Amino acid sequence: MKITHIENIRSLCILRLSAIGDVTHVLPVVATLQKANPKLKITWIIGKIEHKLVNGMPGVEFIIYDKNRGKNALNELKYTLKSRIFDVLFHMQYSFRANRVAWKIPAKIRIGFDKKRSREFHGFRLTNRIPAIEQQHVLDSFMEFPLLLGAMEKVYEWNISTNLEEQEFANKILHPTKPNVIINPCSSMSYRDWRVENYIQIIDFLQNKYAAHVIICGSPNSHEIATADKIAANTCQPCCNIAGKDTLKKLFALMQQAALVISSDSGPLHIANAAGTAVIGLHASTTAKRSGAYQFRHLAVDCFAKAAKKYENTSADKIKWGHQIKHPDVMQLVSVEAVKAKVVEVLDPIYH
């Protein structure tokens, strides 16, 4: 089917339910579409948790899909959309759950991923696919969607809004004169996590060299709270532990004013990127070339190539793009000294 031009499209639906990092990668897609066609009506079907970060975006209608409600959520979505037909659907997730949701969305043109990345019936009912381009960052692959409609000017903007309450929360946590450094020690996958003792060494370094005000963040998950508590209890000087006490929007407000973020490969890494704050990503299970903080990939400590050789007995370029190395010790390839060197690269020009 011939794809119509962006200027001729009146309504477009984006399907990207999760996860936090991937949802932030969709934001430049929205900005690109809105630049190309300011009159375009955009609807985004999104997960319940992920919506908490991006709600309030101008010009975007959100439909929340709560995966925990199972079949009821599918039926409610079908009912909500029963009298609507979108000109275009961007099917931007290829899990089976997302594919089932996509089949409930009425659209004339249905654009999804190339055949190489398709799985679990992702290609069912698609009319068009983005091209298969080797070794792209996830965000770059997402930006292929508007390009297929002739939106040639890419707009790299992450338009996340915060309210007064969220800004006041940040102001209470941040130090007015010291460099504020946020540490996010945990990810959703334990094999991506650096050891507690490594974070303690980095925090001591930050406090001794830069008199930094260190803030440890984390979700309300019991493991993340316990990890943050253990780190905070063992640093030489006190630090601020807000694990389980913030929200995604409050974290974004904090990161907007921070001097630096240090994070495992997880949602907060990409929230920092969206805030435009320098972020040191810690990578070994994954590569920053694909899933790093997009604007700050040069600051990543990326040991994926070493991990491929040590744990999979091959070179990184021979591993399938997107593959994760799940050895429990893989993150120990990220050295404390390498992270310190990146800290110096960011903070020395400002504070020394």
C-alpha atoms as a PDB file:
ATOM      1  CA  MET A   1       0.000   0.000   0.000  1.00  0.00           C
ATOM      2  CA  LYS A   2       1.250   3.478  -0.832  1.00  0.00           C
ATOM      3  CA  ILE A   3       1.847   5.526   2.291  1.00  0.00           C
ATOM      4  CA  THR A   4       0.218   8.926   2.433  1.00  0.00           C
ATOM      5  CA  HIS A   5       2.239  12.025   3.308  1.00  0.00           C
ATOM      6  CA  ILE A   6       2.284  13.382   6.854  1.00  0.00           C
ATOM      7  CA  GLU A   7       0.528  16.605   5.792  1.00  0.00           C
ATOM      8  CA  ASN A   8      -2.482  14.603   4.586  1.00  0.00           C
ATOM      9  CA  ILE A   9      -2.932  12.672   7.820  1.00  0.00           C
ATOM     10  CA  ARG A  10      -5.562  13.843  10.285  1.00  0.00           C
ATOM     11  CA  SER A  11      -5.311  11.188  13.009  1.00  0.00           C
ATOM     12  CA  LEU A  12      -2.478   8.940  14.120  1.00  0.00           C
ATOM     13  CA  CYS A  13      -2.328   6.361  16.900  1.00  0.00           C
ATOM     14  CA  ILE A  14       0.889   5.360  18.642  1.00  0.00           C
ATOM     15  CA  LEU A  15       0.993   2.011  20.398  1.00  0.00           C
ATOM     16  CA  ARG A  16       3.863   1.809  22.854  1.00  0.00           C
ATOM     17  CA  LEU A  17       2.846   0.458  26.227  1.00  0.00           C
ATOM     18  CA  SER A  18       6.177   0.034  28.011  1.00  0.00           C
ATOM     19  CA  ALA A  19       8.855   0.288  29.330  1.00  0.00           C
ATOM     20  CA  ILE A  20       9.947   3.629  30.826  1.00  0.00           C
ATOM     21  CA  GLY A  21      13.110   3.911  28.735  1.00  0.00           C
ATOM     22  CA  ASP A  22      11.368   2.982  25.502  1.00  0.00           C
ATOM     23  CA  VAL A  23       8.519   5.373  26.256  1.00  0.00           C
ATOM     24  CA  THR A  24      11.019   8.245  26.534  1.00  0.00           C
ATOM     25  CA  HIS A  25      12.336   7.234  23.098  1.00  0.00           C
ATOM     26  CA  VAL A  26       8.874   7.841  21.640  1.00  0.00           C
ATOM     27  CA  LEU A  27       8.865  11.491  22.748  1.00  0.00           C
ATOM     28  CA  PRO A  28      11.090  12.731  19.878  1.00  0.00           C
ATOM     29  CA  VAL A  29       8.791  10.830  17.505  1.00  0.00           C
ATOM     30  CA  VAL A  30       5.848  12.854  18.830  1.00  0.00           C
ATOM     31  CA  ALA A  31       7.828  16.105  18.545  1.00  0.00           C
ATOM     32  CA  THR A  32       8.813  15.224  14.975  1.00  0.00           C
ATOM     33  CA  LEU A  33       5.205  14.500  13.991  1.00  0.00           C
ATOM     34  CA  GLN A  34       3.937  17.703  15.564  1.00  0.00           C
ATOM     35  CA  LYS A  35       6.588  19.766  13.792  1.00  0.00           C
ATOM     36  CA  ALA A  36       5.695  18.206  10.435  1.00  0.00           C
ATOM     37  CA  ASN A  37       1.934  18.547  10.919  1.00  0.00           C
ATOM     38  CA  PRO A  38       0.819  20.814  13.794  1.00  0.00           C
ATOM     39  CA  LYS A  39      -2.842  19.934  13.145  1.00  0.00           C
ATOM     40  CA  LEU A  40      -2.294  16.195  13.510  1.00  0.00           C
ATOM     41  CA  LYS A  41      -4.429  14.528  16.191  1.00  0.00           C
ATOM     42  CA  ILE A  42      -2.189  12.090  18.060  1.00  0.00           C
ATOM     43  CA  THR A  43      -3.511   9.343  20.319  1.00  0.00           C
ATOM     44  CA  TRP A  44      -1.063   7.300  22.369  1.00  0.00           C
ATOM     45  CA  ILE A  45      -2.070   3.964  23.892  1.00  0.00           C
ATOM     46  CA  ILE A  46       0.269   3.520  26.845  1.00  0.00           C
ATOM     47  CA  GLY A  47       0.822   1.526  30.024  1.00  0.00           C
ATOM     48  CA  LYS A  48      -0.535   2.724  33.357  1.00  0.00           C
ATOM     49  CA  ILE A  49       2.846   3.294  35.024  1.00  0.00           C
ATOM     50  CA  GLU A  50       4.492   4.804  31.944  1.00  0.00           C
ATOM     51  CA  HIS A  51       1.652   7.305  31.576  1.00  0.00           C
ATOM     52  CA  LYS A  52       2.620   8.807  34.932  1.00  0.00           C
ATOM     53  CA  LEU A  53       5.834  10.135  33.362  1.00  0.00           C
ATOM     54  CA  VAL A  54       4.491  11.600  30.121  1.00  0.00           C
ATOM     55  CA  ASN A  55       0.965  12.743  30.980  1.00  0.00           C
ATOM     56  CA  GLY A  56       0.250  16.379  30.243  1.00  0.00           C
ATOM     57  CA  MET A  57       2.027  16.469  26.876  1.00  0.00           C
ATOM     58  CA  PRO A  58       0.356  19.124  24.691  1.00  0.00           C
ATOM     59  CA  GLY A  59      -1.527  17.863  21.669  1.00  0.00           C
ATOM     60  CA  VAL A  60      -1.563  14.207  22.718  1.00  0.00           C
ATOM     61  CA  GLU A  61      -4.577  12.162  23.815  1.00  0.00           C
ATOM     62  CA  PHE A  62      -3.595   9.271  26.082  1.00  0.00           C
ATOM     63  CA  ILE A  63      -5.513   6.032  26.418  1.00  0.00           C
ATOM     64  CA  ILE A  64      -4.232   4.025  29.388  1.00  0.00           C
ATOM     65  CA  TYR A  65      -3.984   0.273  28.995  1.00  0.00           C
ATOM     66  CA  ASP A  66      -3.608  -1.538  32.319  1.00  0.00           C
ATOM     67  CA  LYS A  67      -2.026  -4.910  31.545  1.00  0.00           C
ATOM     68  CA  ASN A  68      -2.964  -6.206  35.002  1.00  0.00           C
ATOM     69  CA  ARG A  69      -6.642  -6.169  34.028  1.00  0.00           C
ATOM     70  CA  GLY A  70      -6.078  -8.787  31.339  1.00  0.00           C
ATOM     71  CA  LYS A  71      -9.012  -9.491  29.027  1.00  0.00           C
ATOM     72  CA  ASN A  72     -11.089  -6.714  30.578  1.00  0.00           C
ATOM     73  CA  ALA A  73      -8.515  -4.159  29.468  1.00  0.00           C
ATOM     74  CA  LEU A  74      -8.683  -5.463  25.899  1.00  0.00           C
ATOM     75  CA  ASN A  75     -12.465  -5.319  25.864  1.00  0.00           C
ATOM     76  CA  GLU A  76     -12.491  -1.784  27.278  1.00  0.00           C
ATOM     77  CA  LEU A  77     -10.026  -0.640  24.629  1.00  0.00           C
ATOM     78  CA  LYS A  78     -12.142  -2.162  21.882  1.00  0.00           C
ATOM     79  CA  TYR A  79     -15.201  -0.368  23.256  1.00  0.00           C
ATOM     80  CA  THR A  80     -13.352   2.964  23.549  1.00  0.00           C
ATOM     81  CA  LEU A  81     -12.238   2.773  19.915  1.00  0.00           C
ATOM     82  CA  LYS A  82     -15.366   1.216  18.412  1.00  0.00           C
ATOM     83  CA  SER A  83     -16.476   4.363  16.544  1.00  0.00           C
ATOM     84  CA  ARG A  84     -12.988   5.503  15.523  1.00  0.00           C
ATOM     85  CA  ILE A  85     -10.711   4.728  12.602  1.00  0.00           C
ATOM     86  CA  PHE A  86      -7.224   6.218  12.647  1.00  0.00           C
ATOM     87  CA  ASP A  87      -5.545   7.231   9.426  1.00  0.00           C
ATOM     88  CA  VAL A  88      -2.270   5.678  10.661  1.00  0.00           C
ATOM     89  CA  LEU A  89      -1.179   3.329  13.435  1.00  0.00           C
ATOM     90  CA  PHE A  90       2.437   3.263  14.602  1.00  0.00           C
ATOM     91  CA  HIS A  91       2.747  -0.246  16.073  1.00  0.00           C
ATOM     92  CA  MET A  92       5.978   0.381  18.023  1.00  0.00           C
ATOM     93  CA  GLN A  93       6.178  -2.719  20.235  1.00  0.00           C
ATOM     94  CA  TYR A  94       6.489  -6.338  19.226  1.00  0.00           C
ATOM     95  CA  SER A  95       5.656  -8.308  22.358  1.00  0.00           C
ATOM     96  CA  PHE A  96       2.691 -10.657  22.101  1.00  0.00           C
ATOM     97  CA  ARG A  97       0.728  -8.554  24.592  1.00  0.00           C
ATOM     98  CA  ALA A  98       1.260  -5.425  22.500  1.00  0.00           C
ATOM     99  CA  ASN A  99       0.418  -7.292  19.314  1.00  0.00           C
ATOM    100  CA  ARG A 100      -2.914  -8.376  20.782  1.00  0.00           C
ATOM    101  CA  VAL A 101      -3.655  -4.751  21.650  1.00  0.00           C
ATOM    102  CA  ALA A 102      -2.716  -3.635  18.133  1.00  0.00           C
ATOM    103  CA  TRP A 103      -5.301  -5.952  16.604  1.00  0.00           C
ATOM    104  CA  LYS A 104      -8.015  -4.035  18.469  1.00  0.00           C
ATOM    105  CA  ILE A 105      -6.985  -0.682  16.990  1.00  0.00           C
ATOM    106  CA  PRO A 106      -8.829   0.281  13.776  1.00  0.00           C
ATOM    107  CA  ALA A 107      -6.495   2.036  11.326  1.00  0.00           C
ATOM    108  CA  LYS A 108      -6.239   2.426   7.551  1.00  0.00           C
ATOM    109  CA  ILE A 109      -2.449   2.298   7.468  1.00  0.00           C
ATOM    110  CA  ARG A 110      -0.631   0.092   9.979  1.00  0.00           C
ATOM    111  CA  ILE A 111       3.134   0.559  10.262  1.00  0.00           C
ATOM    112  CA  GLY A 112       5.357  -1.768  12.269  1.00  0.00           C
ATOM    113  CA  PHE A 113       8.874  -3.118  12.500  1.00  0.00           C
ATOM    114  CA  ASP A 114      10.792  -4.890   9.766  1.00  0.00           C
ATOM    115  CA  LYS A 115      10.533  -8.662   9.441  1.00  0.00           C
ATOM    116  CA  LYS A 116      13.884  -9.249  11.114  1.00  0.00           C
ATOM    117  CA  ARG A 117      12.687  -7.695  14.378  1.00  0.00           C
ATOM    118  CA  SER A 118       9.115  -8.969  14.175  1.00  0.00           C
ATOM    119  CA  ARG A 119       8.063 -11.758  16.486  1.00  0.00           C
ATOM    120  CA  GLU A 120       4.969 -13.210  18.145  1.00  0.00           C
ATOM    121  CA  PHE A 121       2.704 -12.280  15.195  1.00  0.00           C
ATOM    122  CA  HIS A 122       3.830  -8.642  15.115  1.00  0.00           C
ATOM    123  CA  GLY A 123       3.419  -8.577  11.323  1.00  0.00           C
ATOM    124  CA  PHE A 124      -0.226  -9.649  11.388  1.00  0.00           C
ATOM    125  CA  ARG A 125      -2.385  -6.968   9.708  1.00  0.00           C
ATOM    126  CA  LEU A 126       0.544  -4.598   9.077  1.00  0.00           C
ATOM    127  CA  THR A 127       0.379  -2.693   5.797  1.00  0.00           C
ATOM    128  CA  ASN A 128       3.886  -1.245   5.965  1.00  0.00           C
ATOM    129  CA  ARG A 129       7.166  -1.771   7.799  1.00  0.00           C
ATOM    130  CA  ILE A 130      10.094   0.451   8.713  1.00  0.00           C
ATOM    131  CA  PRO A 131      13.393  -0.568   7.056  1.00  0.00           C
ATOM    132  CA  ALA A 132      15.818  -2.997   8.660  1.00  0.00           C
ATOM    133  CA  ILE A 133      18.926  -0.980   9.544  1.00  0.00           C
ATOM    134  CA  GLU A 134      21.747  -2.758  11.294  1.00  0.00           C
ATOM    135  CA  GLN A 135      22.900  -1.818  14.797  1.00  0.00           C
ATOM    136  CA  GLN A 136      20.633   1.154  15.424  1.00  0.00           C
ATOM    137  CA  HIS A 137      20.015   2.725  18.792  1.00  0.00           C
ATOM    138  CA  VAL A 138      16.427   2.023  19.856  1.00  0.00           C
ATOM    139  CA  LEU A 139      15.530   5.712  19.533  1.00  0.00           C
ATOM    140  CA  ASP A 140      16.917   5.846  15.996  1.00  0.00           C
ATOM    141  CA  SER A 141      14.784   2.865  15.026  1.00  0.00           C
ATOM    142  CA  PHE A 142      11.710   4.625  16.422  1.00  0.00           C
ATOM    143  CA  MET A 143      12.503   7.709  14.354  1.00  0.00           C
ATOM    144  CA  GLU A 144      12.155   5.589  11.207  1.00  0.00           C
ATOM    145  CA  PHE A 145       8.370   5.610  11.737  1.00  0.00           C
ATOM    146  CA  PRO A 146       7.716   9.328  11.033  1.00  0.00           C
ATOM    147  CA  LEU A 147      10.374   9.248   8.312  1.00  0.00           C
ATOM    148  CA  LEU A 148       8.254   6.715   6.454  1.00  0.00           C
ATOM    149  CA  LEU A 149       5.497   9.355   6.298  1.00  0.00           C
ATOM    150  CA  GLY A 150       7.802  12.009   4.884  1.00  0.00           C
ATOM    151  CA  ALA A 151       8.516  13.797   8.182  1.00  0.00           C
ATOM    152  CA  MET A 152      12.108  14.508   7.238  1.00  0.00           C
ATOM    153  CA  GLU A 153      13.053  17.013   9.956  1.00  0.00           C
ATOM    154  CA  LYS A 154      13.890  15.032  13.068  1.00  0.00           C
ATOM    155  CA  VAL A 155      13.096  16.867  16.306  1.00  0.00           C
ATOM    156  CA  TYR A 156      15.011  15.621  19.325  1.00  0.00           C
ATOM    157  CA  GLU A 157      12.874  17.041  22.099  1.00  0.00           C
ATOM    158  CA  TRP A 158      11.578  15.321  25.229  1.00  0.00           C
ATOM    159  CA  ASN A 159       8.584  17.389  26.290  1.00  0.00           C
ATOM    160  CA  ILE A 160       7.928  16.127  29.807  1.00  0.00           C
ATOM    161  CA  SER A 161       6.046  18.566  32.019  1.00  0.00           C
ATOM    162  CA  THR A 162       6.120  18.988  35.799  1.00  0.00           C
ATOM    163  CA  ASN A 163       3.782  20.837  38.134  1.00  0.00           C
ATOM    164  CA  LEU A 164       4.472  23.079  41.118  1.00  0.00           C
ATOM    165  CA  GLU A 165       4.276  20.228  43.651  1.00  0.00           C
ATOM    166  CA  GLU A 166       6.866  18.203  41.741  1.00  0.00           C
ATOM    167  CA  GLN A 167       9.171  21.199  41.386  1.00  0.00           C
ATOM    168  CA  GLU A 168       8.851  22.033  45.089  1.00  0.00           C
ATOM    169  CA  PHE A 169       9.724  18.428  45.963  1.00  0.00           C
ATOM    170  CA  ALA A 170      12.889  18.733  43.891  1.00  0.00           C
ATOM    171  CA  ASN A 171      13.817  22.067  45.452  1.00  0.00           C
ATOM    172  CA  LYS A 172      13.541  20.595  48.951  1.00  0.00           C
ATOM    173  CA  ILE A 173      15.857  17.699  48.057  1.00  0.00           C
ATOM    174  CA  LEU A 174      18.482  19.591  46.036  1.00  0.00           C
ATOM    175  CA  HIS A 175      21.359  21.420  47.711  1.00  0.00           C
ATOM    176  CA  PRO A 176      21.540  25.114  46.751  1.00  0.00           C
ATOM    177  CA  THR A 177      25.337  25.357  46.472  1.00  0.00           C
ATOM    178  CA  LYS A 178      26.837  21.865  46.199  1.00  0.00           C
ATOM    179  CA  PRO A 179      26.876  19.783  43.004  1.00  0.00           C
ATOM    180  CA  ASN A 180      23.836  17.503  43.125  1.00  0.00           C
ATOM    181  CA  VAL A 181      24.562  13.985  41.912  1.00  0.00           C
ATOM    182  CA  ILE A 182      21.797  11.367  41.585  1.00  0.00           C
ATOM    183  CA  ILE A 183      22.623   7.670  41.868  1.00  0.00           C
ATOM    184  CA  ASN A 184      20.212   5.070  40.506  1.00  0.00           C
ATOM    185  CA  PRO A 185      21.693   1.719  41.601  1.00  0.00           C
ATOM    186  CA  CYS A 186      19.034  -0.742  40.459  1.00  0.00           C
ATOM    187  CA  SER A 187      17.381  -1.945  37.287  1.00  0.00           C
ATOM    188  CA  SER A 188      14.497  -4.318  36.703  1.00  0.00           C
ATOM    189  CA  MET A 189      17.030  -7.066  35.902  1.00  0.00           C
ATOM    190  CA  SER A 190      19.470  -7.988  38.680  1.00  0.00           C
ATOM    191  CA  TYR A 191      22.205  -8.984  36.214  1.00  0.00           C
ATOM    192  CA  ARG A 192      22.372  -5.337  35.093  1.00  0.00           C
ATOM    193  CA  ASP A 193      23.093  -4.102  38.624  1.00  0.00           C
ATOM    194  CA  TRP A 194      26.481  -2.947  39.866  1.00  0.00           C
ATOM    195  CA  ARG A 195      27.525  -4.048  43.348  1.00  0.00           C
ATOM    196  CA  VAL A 196      26.639  -2.007  46.412  1.00  0.00           C
ATOM    197  CA  GLU A 197      30.284  -1.635  47.441  1.00  0.00           C
ATOM    198  CA  ASN A 198      31.106  -0.071  44.073  1.00  0.00           C
ATOM    199  CA  TYR A 199      28.458   2.594  44.529  1.00  0.00           C
ATOM    200  CA  ILE A 200      29.745   3.289  48.035  1.00  0.00           C
ATOM    201  CA  GLN A 201      33.235   3.918  46.641  1.00  0.00           C
ATOM    202  CA  ILE A 202      31.846   6.266  43.985  1.00  0.00           C
ATOM    203  CA  ILE A 203      29.792   8.200  46.528  1.00  0.00           C
ATOM    204  CA  ASP A 204      32.804   8.602  48.832  1.00  0.00           C
ATOM    205  CA  PHE A 205      34.803   9.841  45.840  1.00  0.00           C
ATOM    206  CA  LEU A 206      32.092  12.337  44.898  1.00  0.00           C
ATOM    207  CA  GLN A 207      31.808  13.672  48.427  1.00  0.00           C
ATOM    208  CA  ASN A 208      35.563  13.915  49.060  1.00  0.00           C
ATOM    209  CA  LYS A 209      36.591  15.425  45.726  1.00  0.00           C
ATOM    210  CA  TYR A 210      33.591  17.646  44.929  1.00  0.00           C
ATOM    211  CA  ALA A 211      31.712  17.944  48.259  1.00  0.00           C
ATOM    212  CA  ALA A 212      28.791  16.577  46.260  1.00  0.00           C
ATOM    213  CA  HIS A 213      25.260  16.302  47.586  1.00  0.00           C
ATOM    214  CA  VAL A 214      24.489  12.701  46.635  1.00  0.00           C
ATOM    215  CA  ILE A 215      20.881  11.574  46.172  1.00  0.00           C
ATOM    216  CA  ILE A 216      20.076   7.861  45.931  1.00  0.00           C
ATOM    217  CA  CYS A 217      16.847   7.092  44.071  1.00  0.00           C
ATOM    218  CA  GLY A 218      14.834   3.943  43.525  1.00  0.00           C
ATOM    219  CA  SER A 219      11.323   2.668  43.012  1.00  0.00           C
ATOM    220  CA  PRO A 220       9.033   1.454  45.850  1.00  0.00           C
ATOM    221  CA  ASN A 221      10.153  -2.102  45.038  1.00  0.00           C
ATOM    222  CA  SER A 222      11.435  -3.750  48.245  1.00  0.00           C
ATOM    223  CA  HIS A 223      14.724  -4.813  46.641  1.00  0.00           C
ATOM    224  CA  GLU A 224      15.448  -1.294  45.413  1.00  0.00           C
ATOM    225  CA  ILE A 225      14.651   0.235  48.789  1.00  0.00           C
ATOM    226  CA  ALA A 226      16.855  -2.325  50.567  1.00  0.00           C
ATOM    227  CA  THR A 227      19.710  -1.687  48.140  1.00  0.00           C
ATOM    228  CA  ALA A 228      19.474   2.080  48.586  1.00  0.00           C
ATOM    229  CA  ASP A 229      19.325   1.677  52.372  1.00  0.00           C
ATOM    230  CA  LYS A 230      22.432  -0.505  52.362  1.00  0.00           C
ATOM    231  CA  ILE A 231      24.379   1.998  50.272  1.00  0.00           C
ATOM    232  CA  ALA A 232      23.276   4.973  52.390  1.00  0.00           C
ATOM    233  CA  ALA A 233      24.167   3.188  55.632  1.00  0.00           C
ATOM    234  CA  ASN A 234      27.762   2.545  54.573  1.00  0.00           C
ATOM    235  CA  THR A 235      29.013   5.792  53.035  1.00  0.00           C
ATOM    236  CA  CYS A 236      31.621   7.806  54.943  1.00  0.00           C
ATOM    237  CA  GLN A 237      29.440  10.897  54.882  1.00  0.00           C
ATOM    238  CA  PRO A 238      25.623  11.062  54.903  1.00  0.00           C
ATOM    239  CA  CYS A 239      23.755  11.109  51.616  1.00  0.00           C
ATOM    240  CA  CYS A 240      20.116  11.691  50.745  1.00  0.00           C
ATOM    241  CA  ASN A 241      18.122   8.493  50.241  1.00  0.00           C
ATOM    242  CA  ILE A 242      14.764   9.017  48.502  1.00  0.00           C
ATOM    243  CA  ALA A 243      14.206   5.457  47.254  1.00  0.00           C
ATOM    244  CA  GLY A 244      10.481   4.780  47.227  1.00  0.00           C
ATOM    245  CA  LYS A 245       9.623   8.382  48.134  1.00  0.00           C
ATOM    246  CA  ASP A 246       9.474  10.039  44.733  1.00  0.00           C
ATOM    247  CA  THR A 247       7.398   9.656  41.593  1.00  0.00           C
ATOM    248  CA  LEU A 248       8.557   9.535  37.981  1.00  0.00           C
ATOM    249  CA  LYS A 249       7.684  13.216  37.538  1.00  0.00           C
ATOM    250  CA  LYS A 250       9.424  14.193  40.773  1.00  0.00           C
ATOM    251  CA  LEU A 251      12.499  12.265  39.681  1.00  0.00           C
ATOM    252  CA  PHE A 252      12.452  14.104  36.357  1.00  0.00           C
ATOM    253  CA  ALA A 253      12.191  17.447  38.182  1.00  0.00           C
ATOM    254  CA  LEU A 254      15.186  16.465  40.323  1.00  0.00           C
ATOM    255  CA  MET A 255      17.213  15.381  37.338  1.00  0.00           C
ATOM    256  CA  GLN A 256      16.523  18.601  35.465  1.00  0.00           C
ATOM    257  CA  GLN A 257      18.555  20.473  38.094  1.00  0.00           C
ATOM    258  CA  ALA A 258      21.197  17.861  38.905  1.00  0.00           C
ATOM    259  CA  ALA A 259      24.819  18.191  37.830  1.00  0.00           C
ATOM    260  CA  LEU A 260      25.172  14.478  37.083  1.00  0.00           C
ATOM    261  CA  VAL A 261      23.308  11.164  37.159  1.00  0.00           C
ATOM    262  CA  ILE A 262      24.946   7.741  37.460  1.00  0.00           C
ATOM    263  CA  SER A 263      22.693   4.833  36.561  1.00  0.00           C
ATOM    264  CA  SER A 264      22.414   1.222  35.553  1.00  0.00           C
ATOM    265  CA  ASP A 265      20.702   0.498  32.236  1.00  0.00           C
ATOM    266  CA  SER A 266      17.146   1.226  33.385  1.00  0.00           C
ATOM    267  CA  GLY A 267      14.342   3.764  33.159  1.00  0.00           C
ATOM    268  CA  PRO A 268      16.012   6.527  35.213  1.00  0.00           C
ATOM    269  CA  LEU A 269      18.974   6.467  32.820  1.00  0.00           C
ATOM    270  CA  HIS A 270      16.633   7.586  30.058  1.00  0.00           C
ATOM    271  CA  ILE A 271      14.711   9.996  32.284  1.00  0.00           C
ATOM    272  CA  ALA A 272      18.032  11.767  32.895  1.00  0.00           C
ATOM    273  CA  ASN A 273      18.616  11.868  29.164  1.00  0.00           C
ATOM    274  CA  ALA A 274      15.146  13.357  28.659  1.00  0.00           C
ATOM    275  CA  ALA A 275      15.973  15.987  31.283  1.00  0.00           C
ATOM    276  CA  GLY A 276      19.117  16.919  29.345  1.00  0.00           C
ATOM    277  CA  THR A 277      21.345  16.102  32.326  1.00  0.00           C
ATOM    278  CA  ALA A 278      24.726  14.433  31.925  1.00  0.00           C
ATOM    279  CA  VAL A 279      24.376  10.763  32.784  1.00  0.00           C
ATOM    280  CA  ILE A 280      26.992   8.061  33.153  1.00  0.00           C
ATOM    281  CA  GLY A 281      25.422   4.788  32.062  1.00  0.00           C
ATOM    282  CA  LEU A 282      26.858   1.527  33.369  1.00  0.00           C
ATOM    283  CA  HIS A 283      26.766  -1.151  30.676  1.00  0.00           C
ATOM    284  CA  ALA A 284      28.095  -4.678  30.361  1.00  0.00           C
ATOM    285  CA  SER A 285      25.025  -6.865  29.979  1.00  0.00           C
ATOM    286  CA  THR A 286      23.848  -4.442  27.295  1.00  0.00           C
ATOM    287  CA  THR A 287      25.615  -2.031  24.985  1.00  0.00           C
ATOM    288  CA  ALA A 288      25.181   1.722  25.158  1.00  0.00           C
ATOM    289  CA  LYS A 289      25.278   1.770  21.370  1.00  0.00           C
ATOM    290  CA  ARG A 290      21.765   0.328  21.397  1.00  0.00           C
ATOM    291  CA  SER A 291      20.249   1.194  24.786  1.00  0.00           C
ATOM    292  CA  GLY A 292      22.418   3.944  26.263  1.00  0.00           C
ATOM    293  CA  ALA A 293      21.326   7.448  27.262  1.00  0.00           C
ATOM    294  CA  TYR A 294      20.887   8.817  23.749  1.00  0.00           C
ATOM    295  CA  GLN A 295      22.465  12.257  24.166  1.00  0.00           C
ATOM    296  CA  PHE A 296      25.198  11.019  26.501  1.00  0.00           C
ATOM    297  CA  ARG A 297      26.423   7.766  24.997  1.00  0.00           C
ATOM    298  CA  HIS A 298      29.935   9.224  25.064  1.00  0.00           C
ATOM    299  CA  LEU A 299      29.769   9.174  28.870  1.00  0.00           C
ATOM    300  CA  ALA A 300      28.796   5.513  29.141  1.00  0.00           C
ATOM    301  CA  VAL A 301      31.163   2.990  30.651  1.00  0.00           C
ATOM    302  CA  ASP A 302      30.433   0.261  28.121  1.00  0.00           C
ATOM    303  CA  CYS A 303      32.026  -3.138  28.763  1.00  0.00           C
ATOM    304  CA  PHE A 304      29.747  -5.140  26.473  1.00  0.00           C
ATOM    305  CA  ALA A 305      32.615  -6.136  24.156  1.00  0.00           C
ATOM    306  CA  LYS A 306      34.615  -7.466  27.119  1.00  0.00           C
ATOM    307  CA  ALA A 307      31.543  -9.326  28.349  1.00  0.00           C
ATOM    308  CA  ALA A 308      30.968 -10.945  24.954  1.00  0.00           C
ATOM    309  CA  LYS A 309      34.521 -12.251  24.923  1.00  0.00           C
ATOM    310  CA  LYS A 310      34.581 -13.393  28.560  1.00  0.00           C
ATOM    311  CA  TYR A 311      31.118 -14.899  28.955  1.00  0.00           C
ATOM    312  CA  GLU A 312      30.026 -15.832  25.423  1.00  0.00           C
ATOM    313  CA  ASN A 313      33.430 -16.563  23.895  1.00  0.00           C
ATOM    314  CA  THR A 314      32.779 -14.383  20.864  1.00  0.00           C
ATOM    315  CA  SER A 315      33.143 -10.818  19.654  1.00  0.00           C
ATOM    316  CA  ALA A 316      30.434  -8.215  20.218  1.00  0.00           C
ATOM    317  CA  ASP A 317      29.863  -7.758  16.485  1.00  0.00           C
ATOM    318  CA  LYS A 318      28.885 -11.425  16.164  1.00  0.00           C
ATOM    319  CA  ILE A 319      26.199 -11.256  18.844  1.00  0.00           C
ATOM    320  CA  LYS A 320      22.632 -10.643  17.743  1.00  0.00           C
ATOM    321  CA  TRP A 321      21.730  -6.966  18.108  1.00  0.00           C
ATOM    322  CA  GLY A 322      19.696  -6.525  21.264  1.00  0.00           C
ATOM    323  CA  HIS A 323      21.031  -9.657  22.955  1.00  0.00           C
ATOM    324  CA  GLN A 324      21.706  -9.316  26.687  1.00  0.00           C
ATOM    325  CA  ILE A 325      24.516 -11.109  28.487  1.00  0.00           C
ATOM    326  CA  LYS A 326      22.903 -12.388  31.668  1.00  0.00           C
ATOM    327  CA  HIS A 327      25.842 -13.781  33.618  1.00  0.00           C
ATOM    328  CA  PRO A 328      25.491 -12.812  37.311  1.00  0.00           C
ATOM    329  CA  ASP A 329      29.004 -11.321  37.386  1.00  0.00           C
ATOM    330  CA  VAL A 330      28.855  -9.460  34.085  1.00  0.00           C
ATOM    331  CA  MET A 331      28.580  -5.989  35.624  1.00  0.00           C
ATOM    332  CA  GLN A 332      31.802  -6.464  37.552  1.00  0.00           C
ATOM    333  CA  LEU A 333      33.592  -5.734  34.298  1.00  0.00           C
ATOM    334  CA  VAL A 334      32.620  -2.094  34.930  1.00  0.00           C
ATOM    335  CA  SER A 335      35.483  -0.827  37.080  1.00  0.00           C
ATOM    336  CA  VAL A 336      35.214   1.819  39.770  1.00  0.00           C
ATOM    337  CA  GLU A 337      38.186   3.634  38.245  1.00  0.00           C
ATOM    338  CA  ALA A 338      36.484   3.836  34.840  1.00  0.00           C
ATOM    339  CA  VAL A 339      33.402   5.400  36.433  1.00  0.00           C
ATOM    340  CA  LYS A 340      35.551   7.836  38.410  1.00  0.00           C
ATOM    341  CA  ALA A 341      37.235   8.930  35.174  1.00  0.00           C
ATOM    342  CA  LYS A 342      33.831   9.742  33.656  1.00  0.00           C
ATOM    343  CA  VAL A 343      32.836  11.654  36.797  1.00  0.00           C
ATOM    344  CA  VAL A 344      35.975  13.759  36.474  1.00  0.00           C
ATOM    345  CA  GLU A 345      35.239  14.360  32.791  1.00  0.00           C
ATOM    346  CA  VAL A 346      31.831  15.812  33.680  1.00  0.00           C
ATOM    347  CA  LEU A 347      32.447  17.634  36.960  1.00  0.00           C
ATOM    348  CA  ASP A 348      36.028  18.922  36.744  1.00  0.00           C
ATOM    349  CA  PRO A 349      35.299  21.560  34.074  1.00  0.00           C
ATOM    350  CA  ILE A 350      32.500  22.946  36.278  1.00  0.00           C
ATOM    351  CA  TYR A 351      33.699  22.544  39.869  1.00  0.00           C
ATOM    352  CA  HIS A 352      37.505  22.640  39.636  1.00  0.00           C
END
